[in-house]
């Protein structure tokens, strides 16, 4: 019995989870490279933007969420993460690192993997309709559906850092999540097709 309990504690201690890291200004790519060099899985969502220089315009990859990088690590690796140049802190509460749900990071990774156009979006949670993507490369993703300038947007959020990204999506490619499968906070969302 003690042997089993001890094995479970070791597995729990070595379980890796996603965390948000606050970085120094414009150090997101440095932190990403440093973590990868240390054997820690980093994730830095980037967005392409045109940058105006004095003599020319250039396309540059900017962090989707400035000041943040994500890393997947076990609790005992936190010291190595904090020692990486450019890392200010692991986001959490009361000096305790708080893990990000795997689904939030997986959604962003999937959007990047399929080279779908996305953009930074304001982190506002009104009574928008929660939807599931029912077809296309993002099938199965869930997020908020909002309309902007006649186009539908699937909004994906990282709640811990209060940041969001949006993907343009057709209305026929999403279906509302039924109240039974929706978390209690979203049970009174307005009708999507009203």
C-alpha atoms as a PDB file:
ATOM      1  CA  UNK A   1       0.000   0.000   0.000  1.00  0.00           C
ATOM      2  CA  UNK A   2       2.773   2.476   0.891  1.00  0.00           C
ATOM      3  CA  UNK A   3       4.653   1.546  -2.271  1.00  0.00           C
ATOM      4  CA  UNK A   4       1.579   2.379  -4.397  1.00  0.00           C
ATOM      5  CA  UNK A   5       1.022   5.676  -2.574  1.00  0.00           C
ATOM      6  CA  UNK A   6       4.685   6.635  -3.038  1.00  0.00           C
ATOM      7  CA  UNK A   7       4.551   5.813  -6.756  1.00  0.00           C
ATOM      8  CA  UNK A   8       1.483   8.045  -7.174  1.00  0.00           C
ATOM      9  CA  UNK A   9       3.258  10.929  -5.452  1.00  0.00           C
ATOM     10  CA  UNK A  10       6.257  10.550  -7.757  1.00  0.00           C
ATOM     11  CA  UNK A  11       4.030  10.481 -10.866  1.00  0.00           C
ATOM     12  CA  UNK A  12       2.136  13.557  -9.682  1.00  0.00           C
ATOM     13  CA  UNK A  13       5.390  15.400  -9.024  1.00  0.00           C
ATOM     14  CA  UNK A  14       6.707  14.600 -12.499  1.00  0.00           C
ATOM     15  CA  UNK A  15       3.490  15.457 -14.335  1.00  0.00           C
ATOM     16  CA  UNK A  16       4.065  18.354 -16.693  1.00  0.00           C
ATOM     17  CA  UNK A  17       1.478  21.100 -17.097  1.00  0.00           C
ATOM     18  CA  UNK A  18       1.250  24.348 -19.027  1.00  0.00           C
ATOM     19  CA  UNK A  19       2.063  27.594 -17.242  1.00  0.00           C
ATOM     20  CA  UNK A  20       2.112  31.233 -18.326  1.00  0.00           C
ATOM     21  CA  UNK A  21       5.362  33.099 -17.847  1.00  0.00           C
ATOM     22  CA  UNK A  22       5.570  36.866 -17.547  1.00  0.00           C
ATOM     23  CA  UNK A  23       8.591  38.065 -19.494  1.00  0.00           C
ATOM     24  CA  UNK A  24      10.607  41.243 -19.702  1.00  0.00           C
ATOM     25  CA  UNK A  25       9.457  43.579 -22.451  1.00  0.00           C
ATOM     26  CA  UNK A  26      10.445  42.234 -25.884  1.00  0.00           C
ATOM     27  CA  UNK A  27      12.101  39.155 -24.352  1.00  0.00           C
ATOM     28  CA  UNK A  28       9.416  36.636 -25.371  1.00  0.00           C
ATOM     29  CA  UNK A  29      11.551  35.058 -28.140  1.00  0.00           C
ATOM     30  CA  UNK A  30      14.634  34.998 -25.898  1.00  0.00           C
ATOM     31  CA  UNK A  31      12.651  33.196 -23.190  1.00  0.00           C
ATOM     32  CA  UNK A  32      11.293  30.725 -25.773  1.00  0.00           C
ATOM     33  CA  UNK A  33      14.825  29.899 -26.982  1.00  0.00           C
ATOM     34  CA  UNK A  34      16.253  29.663 -23.449  1.00  0.00           C
ATOM     35  CA  UNK A  35      13.535  27.265 -22.298  1.00  0.00           C
ATOM     36  CA  UNK A  36      13.991  25.038 -25.354  1.00  0.00           C
ATOM     37  CA  UNK A  37      17.761  25.018 -24.693  1.00  0.00           C
ATOM     38  CA  UNK A  38      17.071  23.869 -21.107  1.00  0.00           C
ATOM     39  CA  UNK A  39      14.873  20.988 -22.305  1.00  0.00           C
ATOM     40  CA  UNK A  40      11.596  22.623 -21.259  1.00  0.00           C
ATOM     41  CA  UNK A  41       8.786  22.691 -23.816  1.00  0.00           C
ATOM     42  CA  UNK A  42       8.000  26.317 -24.700  1.00  0.00           C
ATOM     43  CA  UNK A  43       5.080  27.727 -26.679  1.00  0.00           C
ATOM     44  CA  UNK A  44       5.052  31.241 -28.071  1.00  0.00           C
ATOM     45  CA  UNK A  45       2.121  32.114 -30.341  1.00  0.00           C
ATOM     46  CA  UNK A  46       3.288  34.631 -32.924  1.00  0.00           C
ATOM     47  CA  UNK A  47       1.428  36.908 -35.299  1.00  0.00           C
ATOM     48  CA  UNK A  48       2.809  38.421 -38.506  1.00  0.00           C
ATOM     49  CA  UNK A  49       2.648  42.185 -38.770  1.00  0.00           C
ATOM     50  CA  UNK A  50       4.045  44.712 -41.149  1.00  0.00           C
ATOM     51  CA  UNK A  51       6.588  46.927 -39.435  1.00  0.00           C
ATOM     52  CA  UNK A  52       7.541  50.345 -40.818  1.00  0.00           C
ATOM     53  CA  UNK A  53      11.217  51.170 -40.601  1.00  0.00           C
ATOM     54  CA  UNK A  54      12.782  54.440 -41.762  1.00  0.00           C
ATOM     55  CA  UNK A  55      13.766  53.147 -45.178  1.00  0.00           C
ATOM     56  CA  UNK A  56      11.491  50.119 -45.729  1.00  0.00           C
ATOM     57  CA  UNK A  57       8.591  47.980 -44.581  1.00  0.00           C
ATOM     58  CA  UNK A  58       9.239  44.530 -43.216  1.00  0.00           C
ATOM     59  CA  UNK A  59       7.040  41.608 -42.135  1.00  0.00           C
ATOM     60  CA  UNK A  60       7.911  40.717 -38.534  1.00  0.00           C
ATOM     61  CA  UNK A  61       6.684  37.968 -36.210  1.00  0.00           C
ATOM     62  CA  UNK A  62       5.387  39.561 -32.986  1.00  0.00           C
ATOM     63  CA  UNK A  63       4.139  37.767 -29.877  1.00  0.00           C
ATOM     64  CA  UNK A  64       0.359  37.327 -29.983  1.00  0.00           C
ATOM     65  CA  UNK A  65       0.286  38.095 -26.254  1.00  0.00           C
ATOM     66  CA  UNK A  66       3.078  40.620 -25.561  1.00  0.00           C
ATOM     67  CA  UNK A  67       4.880  40.008 -22.282  1.00  0.00           C
ATOM     68  CA  UNK A  68       3.931  36.318 -22.077  1.00  0.00           C
ATOM     69  CA  UNK A  69       5.392  32.975 -23.088  1.00  0.00           C
ATOM     70  CA  UNK A  70       4.047  29.542 -22.153  1.00  0.00           C
ATOM     71  CA  UNK A  71       5.998  26.557 -20.874  1.00  0.00           C
ATOM     72  CA  UNK A  72       5.122  22.966 -20.068  1.00  0.00           C
ATOM     73  CA  UNK A  73       7.029  21.716 -17.062  1.00  0.00           C
ATOM     74  CA  UNK A  74       6.831  19.731 -13.837  1.00  0.00           C
ATOM     75  CA  UNK A  75       6.712  21.602 -10.512  1.00  0.00           C
ATOM     76  CA  UNK A  76      10.296  20.627  -9.658  1.00  0.00           C
ATOM     77  CA  UNK A  77      11.479  22.398 -12.853  1.00  0.00           C
ATOM     78  CA  UNK A  78      10.085  25.780 -11.793  1.00  0.00           C
ATOM     79  CA  UNK A  79      13.444  27.013 -10.481  1.00  0.00           C
ATOM     80  CA  UNK A  80      15.127  26.287 -13.844  1.00  0.00           C
ATOM     81  CA  UNK A  81      12.302  28.153 -15.612  1.00  0.00           C
ATOM     82  CA  UNK A  82      12.645  31.187 -13.336  1.00  0.00           C
ATOM     83  CA  UNK A  83      16.411  31.271 -13.925  1.00  0.00           C
ATOM     84  CA  UNK A  84      16.000  31.605 -17.688  1.00  0.00           C
ATOM     85  CA  UNK A  85      17.023  35.095 -18.856  1.00  0.00           C
ATOM     86  CA  UNK A  86      13.985  37.297 -19.415  1.00  0.00           C
ATOM     87  CA  UNK A  87      11.542  35.389 -17.186  1.00  0.00           C
ATOM     88  CA  UNK A  88       9.998  37.630 -14.529  1.00  0.00           C
ATOM     89  CA  UNK A  89       7.545  35.198 -12.944  1.00  0.00           C
ATOM     90  CA  UNK A  90       5.352  32.161 -13.359  1.00  0.00           C
ATOM     91  CA  UNK A  91       1.773  33.455 -13.263  1.00  0.00           C
ATOM     92  CA  UNK A  92      -0.366  32.304 -10.350  1.00  0.00           C
ATOM     93  CA  UNK A  93      -1.808  33.493  -7.085  1.00  0.00           C
ATOM     94  CA  UNK A  94      -0.298  33.853  -3.624  1.00  0.00           C
ATOM     95  CA  UNK A  95       3.165  32.886  -4.925  1.00  0.00           C
ATOM     96  CA  UNK A  96       1.822  29.564  -6.217  1.00  0.00           C
ATOM     97  CA  UNK A  97       2.095  28.837  -9.940  1.00  0.00           C
ATOM     98  CA  UNK A  98      -1.300  28.196 -11.516  1.00  0.00           C
ATOM     99  CA  UNK A  99      -1.536  25.755 -14.422  1.00  0.00           C
ATOM    100  CA  UNK A 100      -3.422  26.650 -17.601  1.00  0.00           C
ATOM    101  CA  UNK A 101      -6.021  24.129 -18.803  1.00  0.00           C
ATOM    102  CA  UNK A 102      -4.525  21.947 -21.536  1.00  0.00           C
ATOM    103  CA  UNK A 103      -7.492  22.728 -23.833  1.00  0.00           C
ATOM    104  CA  UNK A 104      -6.706  26.461 -23.904  1.00  0.00           C
ATOM    105  CA  UNK A 105      -3.126  25.901 -25.089  1.00  0.00           C
ATOM    106  CA  UNK A 106      -4.125  23.057 -27.444  1.00  0.00           C
ATOM    107  CA  UNK A 107      -6.676  25.348 -29.148  1.00  0.00           C
ATOM    108  CA  UNK A 108      -4.042  27.991 -29.859  1.00  0.00           C
ATOM    109  CA  UNK A 109      -1.543  25.367 -31.039  1.00  0.00           C
ATOM    110  CA  UNK A 110      -4.115  23.907 -33.405  1.00  0.00           C
ATOM    111  CA  UNK A 111      -4.891  27.311 -34.920  1.00  0.00           C
ATOM    112  CA  UNK A 112      -1.170  27.895 -35.514  1.00  0.00           C
ATOM    113  CA  UNK A 113      -0.608  24.366 -36.835  1.00  0.00           C
ATOM    114  CA  UNK A 114      -3.275  24.795 -39.520  1.00  0.00           C
ATOM    115  CA  UNK A 115      -1.996  28.241 -40.540  1.00  0.00           C
ATOM    116  CA  UNK A 116      -5.426  29.786 -40.036  1.00  0.00           C
ATOM    117  CA  UNK A 117      -5.461  33.586 -39.915  1.00  0.00           C
ATOM    118  CA  UNK A 118      -5.868  34.787 -36.346  1.00  0.00           C
ATOM    119  CA  UNK A 119      -5.464  38.023 -34.460  1.00  0.00           C
ATOM    120  CA  UNK A 120      -5.293  39.344 -30.940  1.00  0.00           C
ATOM    121  CA  UNK A 121      -8.774  39.985 -29.514  1.00  0.00           C
ATOM    122  CA  UNK A 122      -9.978  41.976 -26.503  1.00  0.00           C
ATOM    123  CA  UNK A 123     -10.546  39.834 -23.443  1.00  0.00           C
ATOM    124  CA  UNK A 124     -14.180  40.724 -22.790  1.00  0.00           C
ATOM    125  CA  UNK A 125     -16.720  38.196 -21.689  1.00  0.00           C
ATOM    126  CA  UNK A 126     -20.158  39.472 -22.508  1.00  0.00           C
ATOM    127  CA  UNK A 127     -23.103  37.204 -23.117  1.00  0.00           C
ATOM    128  CA  UNK A 128     -21.624  35.800 -26.335  1.00  0.00           C
ATOM    129  CA  UNK A 129     -22.686  32.371 -27.531  1.00  0.00           C
ATOM    130  CA  UNK A 130     -20.417  29.415 -26.826  1.00  0.00           C
ATOM    131  CA  UNK A 131     -19.930  27.265 -29.930  1.00  0.00           C
ATOM    132  CA  UNK A 132     -18.178  24.163 -31.214  1.00  0.00           C
ATOM    133  CA  UNK A 133     -16.572  24.117 -34.652  1.00  0.00           C
ATOM    134  CA  UNK A 134     -18.338  21.331 -36.577  1.00  0.00           C
ATOM    135  CA  UNK A 135     -16.296  21.212 -39.810  1.00  0.00           C
ATOM    136  CA  UNK A 136     -12.987  22.243 -41.276  1.00  0.00           C
ATOM    137  CA  UNK A 137      -9.448  22.121 -39.893  1.00  0.00           C
ATOM    138  CA  UNK A 138     -10.554  23.480 -36.511  1.00  0.00           C
ATOM    139  CA  UNK A 139     -13.351  20.925 -36.044  1.00  0.00           C
ATOM    140  CA  UNK A 140     -13.916  20.217 -32.352  1.00  0.00           C
ATOM    141  CA  UNK A 141     -12.556  23.510 -31.008  1.00  0.00           C
ATOM    142  CA  UNK A 142     -14.802  25.427 -28.646  1.00  0.00           C
ATOM    143  CA  UNK A 143     -14.940  29.152 -28.022  1.00  0.00           C
ATOM    144  CA  UNK A 144     -17.130  32.232 -28.044  1.00  0.00           C
ATOM    145  CA  UNK A 145     -18.841  33.305 -31.256  1.00  0.00           C
ATOM    146  CA  UNK A 146     -18.992  37.029 -31.951  1.00  0.00           C
ATOM    147  CA  UNK A 147     -19.804  39.053 -35.040  1.00  0.00           C
ATOM    148  CA  UNK A 148     -17.606  41.847 -36.298  1.00  0.00           C
ATOM    149  CA  UNK A 149     -18.281  43.773 -39.499  1.00  0.00           C
ATOM    150  CA  UNK A 150     -20.585  41.037 -40.751  1.00  0.00           C
ATOM    151  CA  UNK A 151     -18.057  38.241 -40.178  1.00  0.00           C
ATOM    152  CA  UNK A 152     -18.121  35.558 -37.528  1.00  0.00           C
ATOM    153  CA  UNK A 153     -15.213  35.282 -35.103  1.00  0.00           C
ATOM    154  CA  UNK A 154     -14.319  32.290 -32.951  1.00  0.00           C
ATOM    155  CA  UNK A 155     -12.693  33.739 -29.828  1.00  0.00           C
ATOM    156  CA  UNK A 156     -10.228  31.543 -27.935  1.00  0.00           C
ATOM    157  CA  UNK A 157      -9.152  32.751 -24.503  1.00  0.00           C
ATOM    158  CA  UNK A 158      -6.369  32.084 -22.036  1.00  0.00           C
ATOM    159  CA  UNK A 159      -8.314  33.031 -18.925  1.00  0.00           C
ATOM    160  CA  UNK A 160      -5.404  33.068 -16.471  1.00  0.00           C
ATOM    161  CA  UNK A 161      -3.682  35.947 -18.283  1.00  0.00           C
ATOM    162  CA  UNK A 162      -6.923  37.504 -19.558  1.00  0.00           C
ATOM    163  CA  UNK A 163      -5.841  37.427 -23.197  1.00  0.00           C
ATOM    164  CA  UNK A 164      -7.695  36.194 -26.266  1.00  0.00           C
ATOM    165  CA  UNK A 165      -7.267  35.520 -29.978  1.00  0.00           C
ATOM    166  CA  UNK A 166      -9.892  35.348 -32.727  1.00  0.00           C
ATOM    167  CA  UNK A 167     -10.224  33.358 -35.936  1.00  0.00           C
ATOM    168  CA  UNK A 168     -12.611  34.348 -38.718  1.00  0.00           C
ATOM    169  CA  UNK A 169     -15.120  31.540 -39.182  1.00  0.00           C
ATOM    170  CA  UNK A 170     -18.301  31.013 -41.175  1.00  0.00           C
ATOM    171  CA  UNK A 171     -21.578  30.712 -39.288  1.00  0.00           C
ATOM    172  CA  UNK A 172     -22.313  27.364 -40.945  1.00  0.00           C
ATOM    173  CA  UNK A 173     -19.057  25.936 -39.539  1.00  0.00           C
ATOM    174  CA  UNK A 174     -20.151  26.302 -35.895  1.00  0.00           C
ATOM    175  CA  UNK A 175     -22.944  24.978 -33.706  1.00  0.00           C
ATOM    176  CA  UNK A 176     -24.068  26.400 -30.371  1.00  0.00           C
ATOM    177  CA  UNK A 177     -23.159  24.429 -27.288  1.00  0.00           C
ATOM    178  CA  UNK A 178     -26.311  23.249 -25.565  1.00  0.00           C
ATOM    179  CA  UNK A 179     -27.019  24.478 -22.016  1.00  0.00           C
ATOM    180  CA  UNK A 180     -26.535  20.935 -20.672  1.00  0.00           C
ATOM    181  CA  UNK A 181     -22.924  20.796 -21.879  1.00  0.00           C
ATOM    182  CA  UNK A 182     -22.137  24.432 -21.094  1.00  0.00           C
ATOM    183  CA  UNK A 183     -20.521  25.567 -17.816  1.00  0.00           C
ATOM    184  CA  UNK A 184     -22.938  27.321 -15.444  1.00  0.00           C
ATOM    185  CA  UNK A 185     -21.448  30.776 -16.155  1.00  0.00           C
ATOM    186  CA  UNK A 186     -22.548  30.532 -19.797  1.00  0.00           C
ATOM    187  CA  UNK A 187     -26.064  29.117 -19.421  1.00  0.00           C
ATOM    188  CA  UNK A 188     -27.858  32.356 -20.236  1.00  0.00           C
ATOM    189  CA  UNK A 189     -26.081  33.227 -23.488  1.00  0.00           C
ATOM    190  CA  UNK A 190     -28.259  34.759 -26.224  1.00  0.00           C
ATOM    191  CA  UNK A 191     -29.440  32.831 -29.260  1.00  0.00           C
ATOM    192  CA  UNK A 192     -26.795  32.572 -31.997  1.00  0.00           C
ATOM    193  CA  UNK A 193     -29.246  32.487 -34.889  1.00  0.00           C
ATOM    194  CA  UNK A 194     -31.961  34.768 -33.506  1.00  0.00           C
END
